[in-house]
Amino acid sequence: MSSSSSSPTADRDARRRRLLLALAASPLLGVFPAARAKVEALAGLKRWGSGEYRRFGFLVYEATLWAGDDPQRPPLALRLDYKRNIEGKAIAEASIKEMRRFVSNETQLKRWGEQLQHIFPDVKPGDHLLGLYSADGARFYQEDRLLGTMSAPGFAEAFFAIWLDARTSAPDLRAALLQRKES
């Protein structure tokens, strides 16, 4: 007995495959422009190092660096995988405190701090934030959602210096990030 129609199971499987293919391709089609922009920004970057940041012995986050041939010059990306609950306001304040090592203009730091408070969300264990440093500034993502951009002159350099400058408050983490992984 021959039938011109396929079985209900085969039809359901075919619909499922089409849906999965559409979802997988959607960033490429512009449905999720932030995800596409993040993937494009990471194109050509290689994974460098990773390490842990601890405060008073407690693991706060794990950091991973992606960069080109020079891990201290843009373009580069830094991902922080959080292990604790932290308010976005506290992340912004800690960032500005660390940036004082590299920037002495308090008016500028205050303005940047206010902007960062609007960008950084509260995080919980398992959340990650990704910062992209390019020639036109910094962009921040949570998962595939663009949180905000900062293009003020000097901002991106000072922000990423928190982890990458020799004057960092976390020299062990810096050393781990700058250690190139074998490919």
C-alpha atoms as a PDB file:
ATOM      1  CA  MET A   1       0.000   0.000   0.000  1.00  0.00           C
ATOM      2  CA  SER A   2       1.372   3.318  -1.056  1.00  0.00           C
ATOM      3  CA  SER A   3       0.534   6.700   0.367  1.00  0.00           C
ATOM      4  CA  SER A   4       1.293  10.121  -1.088  1.00  0.00           C
ATOM      5  CA  SER A   5       1.352  11.708   2.357  1.00  0.00           C
ATOM      6  CA  SER A   6       3.992  11.116   4.998  1.00  0.00           C
ATOM      7  CA  SER A   7       3.345   9.924   8.511  1.00  0.00           C
ATOM      8  CA  PRO A   8       2.307  12.371  11.259  1.00  0.00           C
ATOM      9  CA  THR A   9       5.590  11.654  13.058  1.00  0.00           C
ATOM     10  CA  ALA A  10       7.671  12.463   9.953  1.00  0.00           C
ATOM     11  CA  ASP A  11       5.687  15.681   9.401  1.00  0.00           C
ATOM     12  CA  ARG A  12       6.214  16.740  13.014  1.00  0.00           C
ATOM     13  CA  ASP A  13       9.952  15.970  12.791  1.00  0.00           C
ATOM     14  CA  ALA A  14      10.251  17.946   9.557  1.00  0.00           C
ATOM     15  CA  ARG A  15       8.464  20.946  11.121  1.00  0.00           C
ATOM     16  CA  ARG A  16      10.732  20.707  14.172  1.00  0.00           C
ATOM     17  CA  ARG A  17      13.858  20.643  11.955  1.00  0.00           C
ATOM     18  CA  ARG A  18      12.637  23.705   9.999  1.00  0.00           C
ATOM     19  CA  LEU A  19      11.932  25.588  13.230  1.00  0.00           C
ATOM     20  CA  LEU A  20      15.338  24.724  14.687  1.00  0.00           C
ATOM     21  CA  LEU A  21      17.077  25.766  11.465  1.00  0.00           C
ATOM     22  CA  ALA A  22      15.160  29.051  11.430  1.00  0.00           C
ATOM     23  CA  LEU A  23      16.074  29.754  15.047  1.00  0.00           C
ATOM     24  CA  ALA A  24      19.713  28.867  14.461  1.00  0.00           C
ATOM     25  CA  ALA A  25      19.894  31.106  11.398  1.00  0.00           C
ATOM     26  CA  SER A  26      17.937  34.009  12.878  1.00  0.00           C
ATOM     27  CA  PRO A  27      20.990  35.930  14.187  1.00  0.00           C
ATOM     28  CA  LEU A  28      22.409  35.794  10.698  1.00  0.00           C
ATOM     29  CA  LEU A  29      19.151  37.125   9.284  1.00  0.00           C
ATOM     30  CA  GLY A  30      19.093  40.116  11.588  1.00  0.00           C
ATOM     31  CA  VAL A  31      16.341  38.924  13.917  1.00  0.00           C
ATOM     32  CA  PHE A  32      18.762  39.328  16.834  1.00  0.00           C
ATOM     33  CA  PRO A  33      21.034  42.222  15.771  1.00  0.00           C
ATOM     34  CA  ALA A  34      22.849  42.405  19.136  1.00  0.00           C
ATOM     35  CA  ALA A  35      23.847  38.752  18.905  1.00  0.00           C
ATOM     36  CA  ARG A  36      25.010  39.247  15.322  1.00  0.00           C
ATOM     37  CA  ALA A  37      27.052  42.321  16.314  1.00  0.00           C
ATOM     38  CA  LYS A  38      28.656  40.404  19.194  1.00  0.00           C
ATOM     39  CA  VAL A  39      29.562  37.459  16.947  1.00  0.00           C
ATOM     40  CA  GLU A  40      31.006  39.828  14.325  1.00  0.00           C
ATOM     41  CA  ALA A  41      33.073  41.607  16.995  1.00  0.00           C
ATOM     42  CA  LEU A  42      34.546  38.307  18.198  1.00  0.00           C
ATOM     43  CA  ALA A  43      35.397  37.212  14.652  1.00  0.00           C
ATOM     44  CA  GLY A  44      39.139  36.932  14.252  1.00  0.00           C
ATOM     45  CA  LEU A  45      39.822  37.014  17.998  1.00  0.00           C
ATOM     46  CA  LYS A  46      41.555  34.115  19.723  1.00  0.00           C
ATOM     47  CA  ARG A  47      41.040  32.907  23.236  1.00  0.00           C
ATOM     48  CA  TRP A  48      43.878  34.038  25.435  1.00  0.00           C
ATOM     49  CA  GLY A  49      43.784  33.332  29.148  1.00  0.00           C
ATOM     50  CA  SER A  50      41.322  32.988  31.956  1.00  0.00           C
ATOM     51  CA  GLY A  51      41.470  33.298  35.698  1.00  0.00           C
ATOM     52  CA  GLU A  52      39.555  33.939  38.894  1.00  0.00           C
ATOM     53  CA  TYR A  53      38.922  37.139  40.788  1.00  0.00           C
ATOM     54  CA  ARG A  54      38.563  36.680  44.532  1.00  0.00           C
ATOM     55  CA  ARG A  55      37.722  39.265  47.146  1.00  0.00           C
ATOM     56  CA  PHE A  56      38.446  38.414  50.800  1.00  0.00           C
ATOM     57  CA  GLY A  57      38.912  34.800  49.704  1.00  0.00           C
ATOM     58  CA  PHE A  58      35.488  34.537  48.053  1.00  0.00           C
ATOM     59  CA  LEU A  59      35.253  33.764  44.330  1.00  0.00           C
ATOM     60  CA  VAL A  60      33.498  36.743  42.698  1.00  0.00           C
ATOM     61  CA  TYR A  61      33.877  35.892  39.008  1.00  0.00           C
ATOM     62  CA  GLU A  62      35.900  34.007  36.444  1.00  0.00           C
ATOM     63  CA  ALA A  63      37.311  36.103  33.601  1.00  0.00           C
ATOM     64  CA  THR A  64      38.243  35.076  30.050  1.00  0.00           C
ATOM     65  CA  LEU A  65      40.038  37.213  27.469  1.00  0.00           C
ATOM     66  CA  TRP A  66      39.795  37.061  23.664  1.00  0.00           C
ATOM     67  CA  ALA A  67      42.121  39.196  21.544  1.00  0.00           C
ATOM     68  CA  GLY A  68      44.157  39.355  18.377  1.00  0.00           C
ATOM     69  CA  ASP A  69      47.939  39.168  18.390  1.00  0.00           C
ATOM     70  CA  ASP A  70      48.264  41.802  21.155  1.00  0.00           C
ATOM     71  CA  PRO A  71      45.968  41.117  24.129  1.00  0.00           C
ATOM     72  CA  GLN A  72      46.335  44.668  25.433  1.00  0.00           C
ATOM     73  CA  ARG A  73      45.134  46.477  22.310  1.00  0.00           C
ATOM     74  CA  PRO A  74      41.733  46.524  20.674  1.00  0.00           C
ATOM     75  CA  PRO A  75      39.941  44.681  19.383  1.00  0.00           C
ATOM     76  CA  LEU A  76      39.476  42.461  22.396  1.00  0.00           C
ATOM     77  CA  ALA A  77      36.728  40.980  24.509  1.00  0.00           C
ATOM     78  CA  LEU A  78      36.544  40.199  28.209  1.00  0.00           C
ATOM     79  CA  ARG A  79      33.883  37.910  29.655  1.00  0.00           C
ATOM     80  CA  LEU A  80      33.103  37.820  33.370  1.00  0.00           C
ATOM     81  CA  ASP A  81      31.195  34.782  34.657  1.00  0.00           C
ATOM     82  CA  TYR A  82      29.732  35.782  38.015  1.00  0.00           C
ATOM     83  CA  LYS A  83      29.682  33.467  41.023  1.00  0.00           C
ATOM     84  CA  ARG A  84      27.921  35.824  43.455  1.00  0.00           C
ATOM     85  CA  ASN A  85      24.916  38.135  43.607  1.00  0.00           C
ATOM     86  CA  ILE A  86      26.076  41.695  42.874  1.00  0.00           C
ATOM     87  CA  GLU A  87      24.002  44.798  42.218  1.00  0.00           C
ATOM     88  CA  GLY A  88      24.678  46.610  38.970  1.00  0.00           C
ATOM     89  CA  LYS A  89      25.291  49.807  40.916  1.00  0.00           C
ATOM     90  CA  ALA A  90      28.048  48.052  42.889  1.00  0.00           C
ATOM     91  CA  ILE A  91      29.662  46.820  39.647  1.00  0.00           C
ATOM     92  CA  ALA A  92      29.660  50.390  38.303  1.00  0.00           C
ATOM     93  CA  GLU A  93      31.081  51.809  41.543  1.00  0.00           C
ATOM     94  CA  ALA A  94      33.837  49.178  41.708  1.00  0.00           C
ATOM     95  CA  SER A  95      34.711  49.864  38.061  1.00  0.00           C
ATOM     96  CA  ILE A  96      35.090  53.598  38.702  1.00  0.00           C
ATOM     97  CA  LYS A  97      37.125  52.947  41.854  1.00  0.00           C
ATOM     98  CA  GLU A  98      39.540  50.791  39.852  1.00  0.00           C
ATOM     99  CA  MET A  99      39.655  53.265  36.946  1.00  0.00           C
ATOM    100  CA  ARG A 100      40.988  55.945  39.345  1.00  0.00           C
ATOM    101  CA  ARG A 101      44.343  54.176  38.974  1.00  0.00           C
ATOM    102  CA  PHE A 102      44.420  55.377  35.361  1.00  0.00           C
ATOM    103  CA  VAL A 103      42.221  58.503  35.241  1.00  0.00           C
ATOM    104  CA  SER A 104      42.512  61.515  37.552  1.00  0.00           C
ATOM    105  CA  ASN A 105      39.646  63.638  36.185  1.00  0.00           C
ATOM    106  CA  GLU A 106      36.950  63.202  38.867  1.00  0.00           C
ATOM    107  CA  THR A 107      34.277  64.975  36.791  1.00  0.00           C
ATOM    108  CA  GLN A 108      34.842  62.536  33.961  1.00  0.00           C
ATOM    109  CA  LEU A 109      34.858  59.550  36.329  1.00  0.00           C
ATOM    110  CA  LYS A 110      31.597  60.708  37.896  1.00  0.00           C
ATOM    111  CA  ARG A 111      29.936  61.023  34.479  1.00  0.00           C
ATOM    112  CA  TRP A 112      31.202  57.572  33.460  1.00  0.00           C
ATOM    113  CA  GLY A 113      29.992  56.102  36.748  1.00  0.00           C
ATOM    114  CA  GLU A 114      26.485  57.456  36.180  1.00  0.00           C
ATOM    115  CA  GLN A 115      26.433  55.966  32.688  1.00  0.00           C
ATOM    116  CA  LEU A 116      27.702  52.601  33.901  1.00  0.00           C
ATOM    117  CA  GLN A 117      24.978  52.454  36.557  1.00  0.00           C
ATOM    118  CA  HIS A 118      22.439  52.567  33.722  1.00  0.00           C
ATOM    119  CA  ILE A 119      24.286  49.882  31.764  1.00  0.00           C
ATOM    120  CA  PHE A 120      25.222  47.212  34.296  1.00  0.00           C
ATOM    121  CA  PRO A 121      22.414  44.961  35.546  1.00  0.00           C
ATOM    122  CA  ASP A 122      22.265  43.126  38.836  1.00  0.00           C
ATOM    123  CA  VAL A 123      23.936  39.735  38.412  1.00  0.00           C
ATOM    124  CA  LYS A 124      23.562  36.379  40.113  1.00  0.00           C
ATOM    125  CA  PRO A 125      25.652  33.200  40.022  1.00  0.00           C
ATOM    126  CA  GLY A 126      25.672  31.842  36.478  1.00  0.00           C
ATOM    127  CA  ASP A 127      25.223  35.242  34.788  1.00  0.00           C
ATOM    128  CA  HIS A 128      27.910  36.588  32.532  1.00  0.00           C
ATOM    129  CA  LEU A 129      28.747  39.995  31.124  1.00  0.00           C
ATOM    130  CA  LEU A 130      30.857  40.536  28.033  1.00  0.00           C
ATOM    131  CA  GLY A 131      32.752  43.718  27.315  1.00  0.00           C
ATOM    132  CA  LEU A 132      33.973  44.400  23.787  1.00  0.00           C
ATOM    133  CA  TYR A 133      36.759  46.937  23.258  1.00  0.00           C
ATOM    134  CA  SER A 134      37.072  48.209  19.700  1.00  0.00           C
ATOM    135  CA  ALA A 135      38.471  51.303  18.025  1.00  0.00           C
ATOM    136  CA  ASP A 136      35.125  53.068  18.507  1.00  0.00           C
ATOM    137  CA  GLY A 137      34.778  52.399  22.253  1.00  0.00           C
ATOM    138  CA  ALA A 138      33.223  49.740  24.449  1.00  0.00           C
ATOM    139  CA  ARG A 139      30.032  47.707  24.190  1.00  0.00           C
ATOM    140  CA  PHE A 140      28.584  45.609  26.977  1.00  0.00           C
ATOM    141  CA  TYR A 141      26.396  42.520  26.650  1.00  0.00           C
ATOM    142  CA  GLN A 142      24.553  40.182  28.973  1.00  0.00           C
ATOM    143  CA  GLU A 143      24.029  36.907  27.166  1.00  0.00           C
ATOM    144  CA  ASP A 144      23.074  38.161  23.666  1.00  0.00           C
ATOM    145  CA  ARG A 145      21.462  41.406  24.822  1.00  0.00           C
ATOM    146  CA  LEU A 146      23.286  44.665  24.219  1.00  0.00           C
ATOM    147  CA  LEU A 147      23.298  46.525  27.542  1.00  0.00           C
ATOM    148  CA  GLY A 148      24.922  49.709  26.322  1.00  0.00           C
ATOM    149  CA  THR A 149      27.846  51.409  24.678  1.00  0.00           C
ATOM    150  CA  MET A 150      30.452  53.882  25.868  1.00  0.00           C
ATOM    151  CA  SER A 151      32.302  55.808  23.184  1.00  0.00           C
ATOM    152  CA  ALA A 152      33.711  58.674  25.281  1.00  0.00           C
ATOM    153  CA  PRO A 153      37.391  59.250  24.513  1.00  0.00           C
ATOM    154  CA  GLY A 154      39.605  57.338  26.932  1.00  0.00           C
ATOM    155  CA  PHE A 155      36.802  55.313  28.506  1.00  0.00           C
ATOM    156  CA  ALA A 156      37.450  51.919  26.897  1.00  0.00           C
ATOM    157  CA  GLU A 157      41.187  52.150  27.467  1.00  0.00           C
ATOM    158  CA  ALA A 158      40.701  52.982  31.165  1.00  0.00           C
ATOM    159  CA  PHE A 159      37.947  50.410  31.682  1.00  0.00           C
ATOM    160  CA  PHE A 160      39.878  47.458  30.235  1.00  0.00           C
ATOM    161  CA  ALA A 161      43.023  48.634  32.040  1.00  0.00           C
ATOM    162  CA  ILE A 162      41.257  47.439  35.218  1.00  0.00           C
ATOM    163  CA  TRP A 163      42.308  43.917  34.179  1.00  0.00           C
ATOM    164  CA  LEU A 164      45.094  44.423  31.640  1.00  0.00           C
ATOM    165  CA  ASP A 165      47.285  47.302  32.842  1.00  0.00           C
ATOM    166  CA  ALA A 166      50.423  46.539  34.859  1.00  0.00           C
ATOM    167  CA  ARG A 167      49.004  48.798  37.616  1.00  0.00           C
ATOM    168  CA  THR A 168      45.937  46.583  38.132  1.00  0.00           C
ATOM    169  CA  SER A 169      44.850  45.706  41.665  1.00  0.00           C
ATOM    170  CA  ALA A 170      44.651  42.032  40.564  1.00  0.00           C
ATOM    171  CA  PRO A 171      48.104  41.185  39.137  1.00  0.00           C
ATOM    172  CA  ASP A 172      47.587  37.403  39.331  1.00  0.00           C
ATOM    173  CA  LEU A 173      44.378  37.655  37.299  1.00  0.00           C
ATOM    174  CA  ARG A 174      46.139  39.909  34.779  1.00  0.00           C
ATOM    175  CA  ALA A 175      48.933  37.353  34.374  1.00  0.00           C
ATOM    176  CA  ALA A 176      46.391  34.565  33.855  1.00  0.00           C
ATOM    177  CA  LEU A 177      44.463  36.581  31.251  1.00  0.00           C
ATOM    178  CA  LEU A 178      47.603  37.467  29.293  1.00  0.00           C
ATOM    179  CA  GLN A 179      48.741  33.834  29.158  1.00  0.00           C
ATOM    180  CA  ARG A 180      48.008  32.675  25.617  1.00  0.00           C
ATOM    181  CA  LYS A 181      46.245  29.333  25.381  1.00  0.00           C
ATOM    182  CA  GLU A 182      47.585  26.698  22.992  1.00  0.00           C
ATOM    183  CA  SER A 183      45.241  26.247  20.024  1.00  0.00           C
END
